[in-house]
Structures are given as structure tokens and as C-alpha cells.
């Protein structure tokens, strides 16, 4: 069984750390083969990484992440926690070198999970490709901005408390392009405050048949992403096809943004079948 969750945004004043703690506890109690933390679990854009780690409200969560009794835990970085990749690459490389010099091949990593930009998992003859989704945003909305520039921006934004000042000082010095400036102003807003057309561009691009070429996946793989804070699965059932083969799923978010919106969503994959569920302690997973 695979469980995937994204966009918890720990550090943001609208995050629900109490419920997410309960979610992690239930994950430990359940028979889960893979837990995928699909980006923006932490929000280093709104608060510095040191302040989040020191905040007592999140102590139980960090302790839980380091001690989860799950076979495999994967951390796929988002734009708001992109700095996790740099931390992992820096300290894991040093740790591996130290173990190699000692000839130690049994000691586990000091990190409780592997950190990456993307992930492939296999379940019941299906291949699932996980990315946070900022990649789709860049491709759908931010040309001519390249992926490398955006990831550099994301890393820098993880190191500043001044989200607007840091954003503008970097981006407007980087490139002068009227259309891109409009898109960048949209990016400054929280996902629920962005225009419908902006979010729709991302979802439309994700559903396009040729998108796989630009995001590193294969045409027969199933795409899982978050980022837009709007959970859905595609294709949707119709009268002619009530049980379509689901090829795309968005994992939604865990923060209180919209009234009547489905929040605290996770994706369950079991026997190759995908299901979006709202977290409920009594009926997990």
C-alpha cells in the first residue's frame, strides 16, 4: 500500500499540525509499504527553517517523522521546502563518505527518508510517477522562465523571511519580460487566491498527452502531484465510462483556505487502484 500526502505547509499560520500529527501516528499503526511526503510539507517561504524547527508546536511532528515505523518513507520536495534537497545532498554525501572510509555498509542514513525531486513506485503492475507539481506550474505559466531558474528561486525563498522582498529582488533583476511579470505576480499569491485560469493552466497541462516529455516521466506511467491545493482524479467517471482507468491524481492540501473545500486529503494506492480520501482517524487508511 502507498500513501501520499502534500501541501501541509508546517510553519504557515493556517496549517493544521494537530491533525497532521494524528495522521502520522495512524500511518505508523497501519500496514503501509510506502509513505510519500509530496512536497511543501514544510513552509520555509513564510518562516525561516530555524524558526520552524524551534517552534514547540511542531516538535512532536519532527520527532514522529524521525521515528515512523514504515518500511519506506520518501520526501519529494516542493517549492516551499526545496531547501530540504540541499540539506539532504550536503549531509548525506558527507555521511556516506564517512561510512565508506570506515567500511561500514550496514549503518542507516541519519535522514529518516530519501529526499528527491521526483519518485517512481510500482504497485500491482502499475508505475506511479510522483512530483510536487511546481514543475507543471513553470511549464504551464512561466515561460520563458526555465526550471533551473525557478528551482534556484525556490531555494533562495527558503532562506528569507521577507517573501515579497526576496521574491521581487531576485526575479526582477533576473529577467525583464512583461508577460512573465504578470505571471510572477500571480505566484506571490497563495494558491487559493490565484485566478481560476492560472490554476486551470496547470491542470490542463498535466492532462495533456505530451506533458510527460517535459517532466521526466514515461507515457504509460500514472502522474501524482500536489501544489495547486485542489484535489482531483482524471479522467472523471462518465455515463459512458463509469469506471475509467485513473491516470492522474492531485493530492490537495491540508491548510484551511477555502470555505467548503475538501482539505486534509491523502491518496491511497492499493492493488494498483488510486483513491483520494479525507483523513479520518476511525477509517484510516
C-alpha atoms as a PDB file:
ATOM      1  CA  UNK A   1       0.000   0.000   0.000  1.00  0.00           C
ATOM      2  CA  UNK A   2       1.173   3.517  -0.865  1.00  0.00           C
ATOM      3  CA  UNK A   3       0.016   6.652   0.960  1.00  0.00           C
ATOM      4  CA  UNK A   4       0.834  10.093  -0.464  1.00  0.00           C
ATOM      5  CA  UNK A   5       0.232  13.485   1.123  1.00  0.00           C
ATOM      6  CA  UNK A   6       1.274  17.007   0.168  1.00  0.00           C
ATOM      7  CA  UNK A   7       0.962  20.706   0.996  1.00  0.00           C
ATOM      8  CA  UNK A   8       0.724  20.573   4.783  1.00  0.00           C
ATOM      9  CA  UNK A   9       2.748  23.840   4.990  1.00  0.00           C
ATOM     10  CA  UNK A  10       4.042  23.486   8.544  1.00  0.00           C
ATOM     11  CA  UNK A  11       5.119  26.972   9.575  1.00  0.00           C
ATOM     12  CA  UNK A  12       2.122  28.673   7.977  1.00  0.00           C
ATOM     13  CA  UNK A  13      -0.443  30.067  10.405  1.00  0.00           C
ATOM     14  CA  UNK A  14      -3.249  28.173   8.651  1.00  0.00           C
ATOM     15  CA  UNK A  15      -1.626  24.747   8.848  1.00  0.00           C
ATOM     16  CA  UNK A  16      -3.255  22.016  10.945  1.00  0.00           C
ATOM     17  CA  UNK A  17      -0.301  20.496  12.785  1.00  0.00           C
ATOM     18  CA  UNK A  18      -2.514  18.700  15.318  1.00  0.00           C
ATOM     19  CA  UNK A  19      -4.412  16.713  12.692  1.00  0.00           C
ATOM     20  CA  UNK A  20      -1.237  16.003  10.736  1.00  0.00           C
ATOM     21  CA  UNK A  21       0.330  14.589  13.904  1.00  0.00           C
ATOM     22  CA  UNK A  22      -2.647  12.243  14.185  1.00  0.00           C
ATOM     23  CA  UNK A  23      -2.178  11.299  10.536  1.00  0.00           C
ATOM     24  CA  UNK A  24       1.469  10.338  11.130  1.00  0.00           C
ATOM     25  CA  UNK A  25       0.521   8.304  14.192  1.00  0.00           C
ATOM     26  CA  UNK A  26      -2.062   6.379  12.185  1.00  0.00           C
ATOM     27  CA  UNK A  27       0.479   5.778   9.424  1.00  0.00           C
ATOM     28  CA  UNK A  28       2.760   4.089  11.960  1.00  0.00           C
ATOM     29  CA  UNK A  29      -0.085   1.853  13.120  1.00  0.00           C
ATOM     30  CA  UNK A  30      -1.112   0.846   9.592  1.00  0.00           C
ATOM     31  CA  UNK A  31       0.353  -1.647   7.146  1.00  0.00           C
ATOM     32  CA  UNK A  32       1.874   0.887   4.757  1.00  0.00           C
ATOM     33  CA  UNK A  33       4.678  -0.065   2.380  1.00  0.00           C
ATOM     34  CA  UNK A  34       5.450   3.475   1.186  1.00  0.00           C
ATOM     35  CA  UNK A  35       4.678   6.900   2.629  1.00  0.00           C
ATOM     36  CA  UNK A  36       5.270   9.688   0.108  1.00  0.00           C
ATOM     37  CA  UNK A  37       5.625  13.208   1.525  1.00  0.00           C
ATOM     38  CA  UNK A  38       4.892  15.011  -1.713  1.00  0.00           C
ATOM     39  CA  UNK A  39       6.337  18.445  -1.117  1.00  0.00           C
ATOM     40  CA  UNK A  40       5.502  21.623   0.789  1.00  0.00           C
ATOM     41  CA  UNK A  41       5.206  19.588   3.981  1.00  0.00           C
ATOM     42  CA  UNK A  42       7.301  22.403   5.476  1.00  0.00           C
ATOM     43  CA  UNK A  43       6.878  26.051   4.527  1.00  0.00           C
ATOM     44  CA  UNK A  44      10.274  27.739   4.532  1.00  0.00           C
ATOM     45  CA  UNK A  45       8.971  30.610   2.403  1.00  0.00           C
ATOM     46  CA  UNK A  46       6.770  32.019   5.170  1.00  0.00           C
ATOM     47  CA  UNK A  47       9.073  31.242   8.118  1.00  0.00           C
ATOM     48  CA  UNK A  48      12.777  30.512   8.295  1.00  0.00           C
ATOM     49  CA  UNK A  49      13.761  26.873   8.621  1.00  0.00           C
ATOM     50  CA  UNK A  50      15.380  27.524  12.006  1.00  0.00           C
ATOM     51  CA  UNK A  51      12.220  29.159  13.398  1.00  0.00           C
ATOM     52  CA  UNK A  52      10.060  26.257  12.265  1.00  0.00           C
ATOM     53  CA  UNK A  53      12.368  23.679  13.828  1.00  0.00           C
ATOM     54  CA  UNK A  54      12.498  25.620  17.115  1.00  0.00           C
ATOM     55  CA  UNK A  55       8.724  26.079  17.302  1.00  0.00           C
ATOM     56  CA  UNK A  56       7.375  23.800  20.027  1.00  0.00           C
ATOM     57  CA  UNK A  57       4.118  23.244  18.140  1.00  0.00           C
ATOM     58  CA  UNK A  58       5.981  21.136  15.581  1.00  0.00           C
ATOM     59  CA  UNK A  59       8.270  19.221  17.942  1.00  0.00           C
ATOM     60  CA  UNK A  60       6.026  16.153  18.025  1.00  0.00           C
ATOM     61  CA  UNK A  61       5.787  16.123  14.230  1.00  0.00           C
ATOM     62  CA  UNK A  62       9.555  16.246  13.721  1.00  0.00           C
ATOM     63  CA  UNK A  63      10.003  13.553  16.322  1.00  0.00           C
ATOM     64  CA  UNK A  64       7.337  11.475  14.605  1.00  0.00           C
ATOM     65  CA  UNK A  65       8.917  11.874  11.165  1.00  0.00           C
ATOM     66  CA  UNK A  66      12.197  10.589  12.535  1.00  0.00           C
ATOM     67  CA  UNK A  67      10.653   7.527  14.148  1.00  0.00           C
ATOM     68  CA  UNK A  68       7.924   6.353  11.803  1.00  0.00           C
ATOM     69  CA  UNK A  69       7.617   2.560  11.732  1.00  0.00           C
ATOM     70  CA  UNK A  70       7.054   2.447   7.966  1.00  0.00           C
ATOM     71  CA  UNK A  71       9.077   0.329   5.556  1.00  0.00           C
ATOM     72  CA  UNK A  72       9.832   3.150   3.115  1.00  0.00           C
ATOM     73  CA  UNK A  73       9.491   6.920   3.517  1.00  0.00           C
ATOM     74  CA  UNK A  74      10.082   9.275   0.606  1.00  0.00           C
ATOM     75  CA  UNK A  75      10.323  13.067   0.640  1.00  0.00           C
ATOM     76  CA  UNK A  76       9.693  14.709  -2.753  1.00  0.00           C
ATOM     77  CA  UNK A  77      10.496  18.402  -2.452  1.00  0.00           C
ATOM     78  CA  UNK A  78       8.104  21.207  -3.311  1.00  0.00           C
ATOM     79  CA  UNK A  79       8.858  24.835  -3.982  1.00  0.00           C
ATOM     80  CA  UNK A  80       8.261  25.885  -0.350  1.00  0.00           C
ATOM     81  CA  UNK A  81      10.585  23.234   1.090  1.00  0.00           C
ATOM     82  CA  UNK A  82      13.063  22.971  -1.780  1.00  0.00           C
ATOM     83  CA  UNK A  83      15.944  23.627   0.621  1.00  0.00           C
ATOM     84  CA  UNK A  84      15.410  20.133   2.044  1.00  0.00           C
ATOM     85  CA  UNK A  85      17.084  18.802  -1.091  1.00  0.00           C
ATOM     86  CA  UNK A  86      20.197  20.898  -0.492  1.00  0.00           C
ATOM     87  CA  UNK A  87      20.353  19.760   3.146  1.00  0.00           C
ATOM     88  CA  UNK A  88      19.992  16.134   2.154  1.00  0.00           C
ATOM     89  CA  UNK A  89      22.610  16.316  -0.591  1.00  0.00           C
ATOM     90  CA  UNK A  90      25.082  18.106   1.678  1.00  0.00           C
ATOM     91  CA  UNK A  91      24.883  15.937   4.798  1.00  0.00           C
ATOM     92  CA  UNK A  92      24.061  12.617   3.193  1.00  0.00           C
ATOM     93  CA  UNK A  93      27.081  12.876   0.899  1.00  0.00           C
ATOM     94  CA  UNK A  94      29.370  13.579   3.855  1.00  0.00           C
ATOM     95  CA  UNK A  95      27.816  10.746   5.850  1.00  0.00           C
ATOM     96  CA  UNK A  96      28.168   8.250   3.009  1.00  0.00           C
ATOM     97  CA  UNK A  97      31.813   9.216   2.583  1.00  0.00           C
ATOM     98  CA  UNK A  98      32.454   8.718   6.300  1.00  0.00           C
ATOM     99  CA  UNK A  99      30.838   5.268   6.279  1.00  0.00           C
ATOM    100  CA  UNK A 100      32.735   4.285   3.156  1.00  0.00           C
ATOM    101  CA  UNK A 101      36.045   5.189   4.781  1.00  0.00           C
ATOM    102  CA  UNK A 102      35.085   3.013   7.763  1.00  0.00           C
ATOM    103  CA  UNK A 103      33.952   0.164   5.529  1.00  0.00           C
ATOM    104  CA  UNK A 104      30.518   0.311   7.135  1.00  0.00           C
ATOM    105  CA  UNK A 105      27.748  -0.900   4.805  1.00  0.00           C
ATOM    106  CA  UNK A 106      25.078  -1.620   7.426  1.00  0.00           C
ATOM    107  CA  UNK A 107      24.534   1.687   9.243  1.00  0.00           C
ATOM    108  CA  UNK A 108      21.410   3.508   8.129  1.00  0.00           C
ATOM    109  CA  UNK A 109      21.252   7.088   6.916  1.00  0.00           C
ATOM    110  CA  UNK A 110      20.860   9.825   9.553  1.00  0.00           C
ATOM    111  CA  UNK A 111      17.924  11.058   7.462  1.00  0.00           C
ATOM    112  CA  UNK A 112      14.642   9.225   8.094  1.00  0.00           C
ATOM    113  CA  UNK A 113      13.828   9.460   4.377  1.00  0.00           C
ATOM    114  CA  UNK A 114      15.395   9.945   0.977  1.00  0.00           C
ATOM    115  CA  UNK A 115      14.860  13.423  -0.489  1.00  0.00           C
ATOM    116  CA  UNK A 116      14.411  13.888  -4.236  1.00  0.00           C
ATOM    117  CA  UNK A 117      12.678  15.970  -6.928  1.00  0.00           C
ATOM    118  CA  UNK A 118      10.714  13.020  -8.290  1.00  0.00           C
ATOM    119  CA  UNK A 119       9.915   9.415  -7.449  1.00  0.00           C
ATOM    120  CA  UNK A 120       8.770   6.242  -9.186  1.00  0.00           C
ATOM    121  CA  UNK A 121       6.942   3.495  -7.329  1.00  0.00           C
ATOM    122  CA  UNK A 122       5.470   0.253  -8.619  1.00  0.00           C
ATOM    123  CA  UNK A 123       2.252  -1.329  -7.408  1.00  0.00           C
ATOM    124  CA  UNK A 124       0.289  -4.179  -8.968  1.00  0.00           C
ATOM    125  CA  UNK A 125       1.793  -3.865 -12.477  1.00  0.00           C
ATOM    126  CA  UNK A 126       1.356  -0.081 -12.478  1.00  0.00           C
ATOM    127  CA  UNK A 127       4.051   2.597 -12.334  1.00  0.00           C
ATOM    128  CA  UNK A 128       3.290   5.794 -10.428  1.00  0.00           C
ATOM    129  CA  UNK A 129       5.350   8.932 -11.013  1.00  0.00           C
ATOM    130  CA  UNK A 130       5.386  11.475  -8.177  1.00  0.00           C
ATOM    131  CA  UNK A 131       6.365  15.147  -8.441  1.00  0.00           C
ATOM    132  CA  UNK A 132       5.260  18.034  -6.264  1.00  0.00           C
ATOM    133  CA  UNK A 133       3.810  19.931  -9.214  1.00  0.00           C
ATOM    134  CA  UNK A 134       5.738  23.214  -9.272  1.00  0.00           C
ATOM    135  CA  UNK A 135       7.317  21.778 -12.428  1.00  0.00           C
ATOM    136  CA  UNK A 136       3.906  21.839 -14.149  1.00  0.00           C
ATOM    137  CA  UNK A 137       3.392  25.422 -12.946  1.00  0.00           C
ATOM    138  CA  UNK A 138       6.654  26.581 -14.508  1.00  0.00           C
ATOM    139  CA  UNK A 139       5.884  24.877 -17.821  1.00  0.00           C
ATOM    140  CA  UNK A 140       2.251  25.992 -17.984  1.00  0.00           C
ATOM    141  CA  UNK A 141       2.539  29.557 -16.724  1.00  0.00           C
ATOM    142  CA  UNK A 142       6.090  30.878 -16.587  1.00  0.00           C
ATOM    143  CA  UNK A 143       7.748  30.657 -19.960  1.00  0.00           C
ATOM    144  CA  UNK A 144      10.380  31.869 -20.734  1.00  0.00           C
ATOM    145  CA  UNK A 145      11.489  31.177 -17.159  1.00  0.00           C
ATOM    146  CA  UNK A 146      13.386  27.874 -17.068  1.00  0.00           C
ATOM    147  CA  UNK A 147      13.145  25.115 -14.455  1.00  0.00           C
ATOM    148  CA  UNK A 148      16.671  25.748 -13.181  1.00  0.00           C
ATOM    149  CA  UNK A 149      15.913  29.415 -12.532  1.00  0.00           C
ATOM    150  CA  UNK A 150      12.694  28.570 -10.704  1.00  0.00           C
ATOM    151  CA  UNK A 151      14.387  25.984  -8.509  1.00  0.00           C
ATOM    152  CA  UNK A 152      17.106  28.497  -7.678  1.00  0.00           C
ATOM    153  CA  UNK A 153      14.370  30.962  -6.747  1.00  0.00           C
ATOM    154  CA  UNK A 154      12.668  28.339  -4.572  1.00  0.00           C
ATOM    155  CA  UNK A 155      15.891  27.626  -2.713  1.00  0.00           C
ATOM    156  CA  UNK A 156      16.545  31.324  -2.117  1.00  0.00           C
ATOM    157  CA  UNK A 157      12.997  31.911  -0.906  1.00  0.00           C
ATOM    158  CA  UNK A 158      13.542  29.203   1.723  1.00  0.00           C
ATOM    159  CA  UNK A 159      16.247  31.411   3.230  1.00  0.00           C
ATOM    160  CA  UNK A 160      14.333  34.661   3.685  1.00  0.00           C
ATOM    161  CA  UNK A 161      11.520  35.783   5.990  1.00  0.00           C
ATOM    162  CA  UNK A 162      10.578  38.557   3.554  1.00  0.00           C
ATOM    163  CA  UNK A 163       8.714  36.579   0.908  1.00  0.00           C
ATOM    164  CA  UNK A 164       7.722  39.554  -1.255  1.00  0.00           C
ATOM    165  CA  UNK A 165      11.007  41.440  -0.965  1.00  0.00           C
ATOM    166  CA  UNK A 166      13.127  38.378  -1.588  1.00  0.00           C
ATOM    167  CA  UNK A 167      10.966  37.321  -4.500  1.00  0.00           C
ATOM    168  CA  UNK A 168      10.998  40.660  -6.264  1.00  0.00           C
ATOM    169  CA  UNK A 169      14.663  41.461  -5.700  1.00  0.00           C
ATOM    170  CA  UNK A 170      15.681  38.179  -7.277  1.00  0.00           C
ATOM    171  CA  UNK A 171      13.175  37.832 -10.091  1.00  0.00           C
ATOM    172  CA  UNK A 172      13.023  41.365 -11.450  1.00  0.00           C
ATOM    173  CA  UNK A 173      16.810  41.520 -11.579  1.00  0.00           C
ATOM    174  CA  UNK A 174      16.865  38.157 -13.294  1.00  0.00           C
ATOM    175  CA  UNK A 175      14.664  38.863 -16.293  1.00  0.00           C
ATOM    176  CA  UNK A 176      12.679  41.666 -17.900  1.00  0.00           C
ATOM    177  CA  UNK A 177       9.620  40.314 -19.679  1.00  0.00           C
ATOM    178  CA  UNK A 178       6.132  41.931 -19.404  1.00  0.00           C
ATOM    179  CA  UNK A 179       4.142  38.689 -19.708  1.00  0.00           C
ATOM    180  CA  UNK A 180       6.329  36.933 -17.160  1.00  0.00           C
ATOM    181  CA  UNK A 181       5.904  39.786 -14.668  1.00  0.00           C
ATOM    182  CA  UNK A 182       2.138  39.219 -14.727  1.00  0.00           C
ATOM    183  CA  UNK A 183       2.656  35.520 -14.039  1.00  0.00           C
ATOM    184  CA  UNK A 184       5.117  36.219 -11.229  1.00  0.00           C
ATOM    185  CA  UNK A 185       2.605  38.478  -9.503  1.00  0.00           C
ATOM    186  CA  UNK A 186       0.195  35.526  -9.542  1.00  0.00           C
ATOM    187  CA  UNK A 187       2.878  33.339  -7.981  1.00  0.00           C
ATOM    188  CA  UNK A 188       3.177  35.693  -4.996  1.00  0.00           C
ATOM    189  CA  UNK A 189      -0.395  34.818  -4.028  1.00  0.00           C
ATOM    190  CA  UNK A 190      -1.450  31.752  -2.079  1.00  0.00           C
ATOM    191  CA  UNK A 191      -2.877  29.031  -4.386  1.00  0.00           C
ATOM    192  CA  UNK A 192      -6.483  29.704  -3.333  1.00  0.00           C
ATOM    193  CA  UNK A 193      -6.055  33.405  -4.201  1.00  0.00           C
ATOM    194  CA  UNK A 194      -4.735  32.788  -7.708  1.00  0.00           C
ATOM    195  CA  UNK A 195      -7.016  33.186 -10.688  1.00  0.00           C
ATOM    196  CA  UNK A 196      -9.017  30.227 -11.930  1.00  0.00           C
ATOM    197  CA  UNK A 197      -7.288  30.455 -15.305  1.00  0.00           C
ATOM    198  CA  UNK A 198      -3.846  30.254 -13.654  1.00  0.00           C
ATOM    199  CA  UNK A 199      -4.683  27.022 -11.785  1.00  0.00           C
ATOM    200  CA  UNK A 200      -6.595  25.659 -14.769  1.00  0.00           C
ATOM    201  CA  UNK A 201      -3.495  26.104 -16.951  1.00  0.00           C
ATOM    202  CA  UNK A 202      -1.588  23.778 -14.619  1.00  0.00           C
ATOM    203  CA  UNK A 203      -4.303  21.116 -14.586  1.00  0.00           C
ATOM    204  CA  UNK A 204      -4.823  21.309 -18.350  1.00  0.00           C
ATOM    205  CA  UNK A 205      -1.096  20.917 -18.963  1.00  0.00           C
ATOM    206  CA  UNK A 206      -0.924  17.930 -16.576  1.00  0.00           C
ATOM    207  CA  UNK A 207      -3.742  16.225 -18.519  1.00  0.00           C
ATOM    208  CA  UNK A 208      -2.162  16.804 -21.928  1.00  0.00           C
ATOM    209  CA  UNK A 209      -0.807  13.713 -23.648  1.00  0.00           C
ATOM    210  CA  UNK A 210       2.582  15.235 -24.365  1.00  0.00           C
ATOM    211  CA  UNK A 211       3.320  16.589 -20.881  1.00  0.00           C
ATOM    212  CA  UNK A 212       5.337  13.503 -19.931  1.00  0.00           C
ATOM    213  CA  UNK A 213       8.145  14.514 -22.306  1.00  0.00           C
ATOM    214  CA  UNK A 214       8.872  17.671 -20.295  1.00  0.00           C
ATOM    215  CA  UNK A 215       8.598  16.294 -16.757  1.00  0.00           C
ATOM    216  CA  UNK A 216      10.727  13.159 -16.948  1.00  0.00           C
ATOM    217  CA  UNK A 217       8.019  10.513 -16.947  1.00  0.00           C
ATOM    218  CA  UNK A 218       7.072   7.756 -19.380  1.00  0.00           C
ATOM    219  CA  UNK A 219       3.825   7.853 -21.397  1.00  0.00           C
ATOM    220  CA  UNK A 220       2.315   4.812 -19.682  1.00  0.00           C
ATOM    221  CA  UNK A 221       3.048   5.995 -16.117  1.00  0.00           C
ATOM    222  CA  UNK A 222       0.445   7.483 -13.787  1.00  0.00           C
ATOM    223  CA  UNK A 223       1.076  11.023 -12.548  1.00  0.00           C
ATOM    224  CA  UNK A 224       0.651  12.059  -8.915  1.00  0.00           C
ATOM    225  CA  UNK A 225       1.172  15.700  -7.900  1.00  0.00           C
ATOM    226  CA  UNK A 226       0.009  18.412  -5.483  1.00  0.00           C
ATOM    227  CA  UNK A 227       0.954  22.118  -5.500  1.00  0.00           C
ATOM    228  CA  UNK A 228      -2.382  23.600  -6.642  1.00  0.00           C
ATOM    229  CA  UNK A 229      -4.240  22.666  -3.411  1.00  0.00           C
ATOM    230  CA  UNK A 230      -7.154  21.287  -5.460  1.00  0.00           C
ATOM    231  CA  UNK A 231      -7.591  17.522  -5.228  1.00  0.00           C
ATOM    232  CA  UNK A 232      -8.949  15.636  -8.247  1.00  0.00           C
ATOM    233  CA  UNK A 233      -8.537  12.479 -10.277  1.00  0.00           C
ATOM    234  CA  UNK A 234      -8.549  12.211 -14.061  1.00  0.00           C
ATOM    235  CA  UNK A 235     -10.294  11.060 -16.129  1.00  0.00           C
ATOM    236  CA  UNK A 236     -13.550  11.523 -14.256  1.00  0.00           C
ATOM    237  CA  UNK A 237     -16.325   8.913 -14.468  1.00  0.00           C
ATOM    238  CA  UNK A 238     -18.961   9.464 -17.138  1.00  0.00           C
ATOM    239  CA  UNK A 239     -22.202   7.731 -18.030  1.00  0.00           C
ATOM    240  CA  UNK A 240     -20.472   6.049 -20.959  1.00  0.00           C
ATOM    241  CA  UNK A 241     -17.414   5.104 -18.849  1.00  0.00           C
ATOM    242  CA  UNK A 242     -18.353   4.901 -15.147  1.00  0.00           C
ATOM    243  CA  UNK A 243     -15.054   3.272 -14.104  1.00  0.00           C
ATOM    244  CA  UNK A 244     -12.238   4.817 -16.154  1.00  0.00           C
ATOM    245  CA  UNK A 245      -8.609   3.935 -15.543  1.00  0.00           C
ATOM    246  CA  UNK A 246      -7.305   6.813 -13.426  1.00  0.00           C
ATOM    247  CA  UNK A 247      -4.092   8.249 -14.872  1.00  0.00           C
ATOM    248  CA  UNK A 248      -3.666  11.472 -12.850  1.00  0.00           C
ATOM    249  CA  UNK A 249      -4.311  12.400  -9.213  1.00  0.00           C
ATOM    250  CA  UNK A 250      -3.797  15.634  -7.288  1.00  0.00           C
ATOM    251  CA  UNK A 251      -3.338  15.267  -3.528  1.00  0.00           C
ATOM    252  CA  UNK A 252      -4.916  18.590  -2.482  1.00  0.00           C
ATOM    253  CA  UNK A 253      -3.756  20.297   0.721  1.00  0.00           C
ATOM    254  CA  UNK A 254      -4.007  20.318   4.498  1.00  0.00           C
ATOM    255  CA  UNK A 255      -4.497  24.026   5.207  1.00  0.00           C
ATOM    256  CA  UNK A 256      -7.700  25.956   5.807  1.00  0.00           C
ATOM    257  CA  UNK A 257      -8.050  28.247   2.815  1.00  0.00           C
ATOM    258  CA  UNK A 258     -11.450  27.958   1.171  1.00  0.00           C
ATOM    259  CA  UNK A 259     -14.843  27.545   2.719  1.00  0.00           C
ATOM    260  CA  UNK A 260     -16.484  24.225   1.863  1.00  0.00           C
ATOM    261  CA  UNK A 261     -13.261  22.953   0.262  1.00  0.00           C
ATOM    262  CA  UNK A 262     -12.063  19.398   0.761  1.00  0.00           C
ATOM    263  CA  UNK A 263      -8.912  19.658   2.878  1.00  0.00           C
ATOM    264  CA  UNK A 264      -6.772  17.147   4.764  1.00  0.00           C
ATOM    265  CA  UNK A 265      -6.714  14.882   1.714  1.00  0.00           C
ATOM    266  CA  UNK A 266      -4.370  11.975   1.086  1.00  0.00           C
ATOM    267  CA  UNK A 267      -4.026   9.496  -1.757  1.00  0.00           C
ATOM    268  CA  UNK A 268      -4.244   5.783  -1.133  1.00  0.00           C
ATOM    269  CA  UNK A 269      -2.870   3.345  -3.713  1.00  0.00           C
ATOM    270  CA  UNK A 270      -3.659  -0.308  -3.131  1.00  0.00           C
ATOM    271  CA  UNK A 271      -3.559  -3.146  -5.669  1.00  0.00           C
ATOM    272  CA  UNK A 272      -2.850  -0.575  -8.363  1.00  0.00           C
ATOM    273  CA  UNK A 273      -6.012   1.414  -7.632  1.00  0.00           C
ATOM    274  CA  UNK A 274      -5.947   5.098  -6.617  1.00  0.00           C
ATOM    275  CA  UNK A 275      -8.382   6.635  -4.133  1.00  0.00           C
ATOM    276  CA  UNK A 276      -8.487  10.161  -2.712  1.00  0.00           C
ATOM    277  CA  UNK A 277      -9.625  10.184   0.907  1.00  0.00           C
ATOM    278  CA  UNK A 278     -10.207  12.788   3.598  1.00  0.00           C
ATOM    279  CA  UNK A 279      -8.311  11.919   6.761  1.00  0.00           C
ATOM    280  CA  UNK A 280     -10.472  10.253   9.389  1.00  0.00           C
ATOM    281  CA  UNK A 281      -8.768   8.513  12.308  1.00  0.00           C
ATOM    282  CA  UNK A 282     -11.508   5.896  12.594  1.00  0.00           C
ATOM    283  CA  UNK A 283     -11.387   4.863   8.935  1.00  0.00           C
ATOM    284  CA  UNK A 284      -7.689   5.202   8.085  1.00  0.00           C
ATOM    285  CA  UNK A 285      -6.217   4.194   5.725  1.00  0.00           C
END
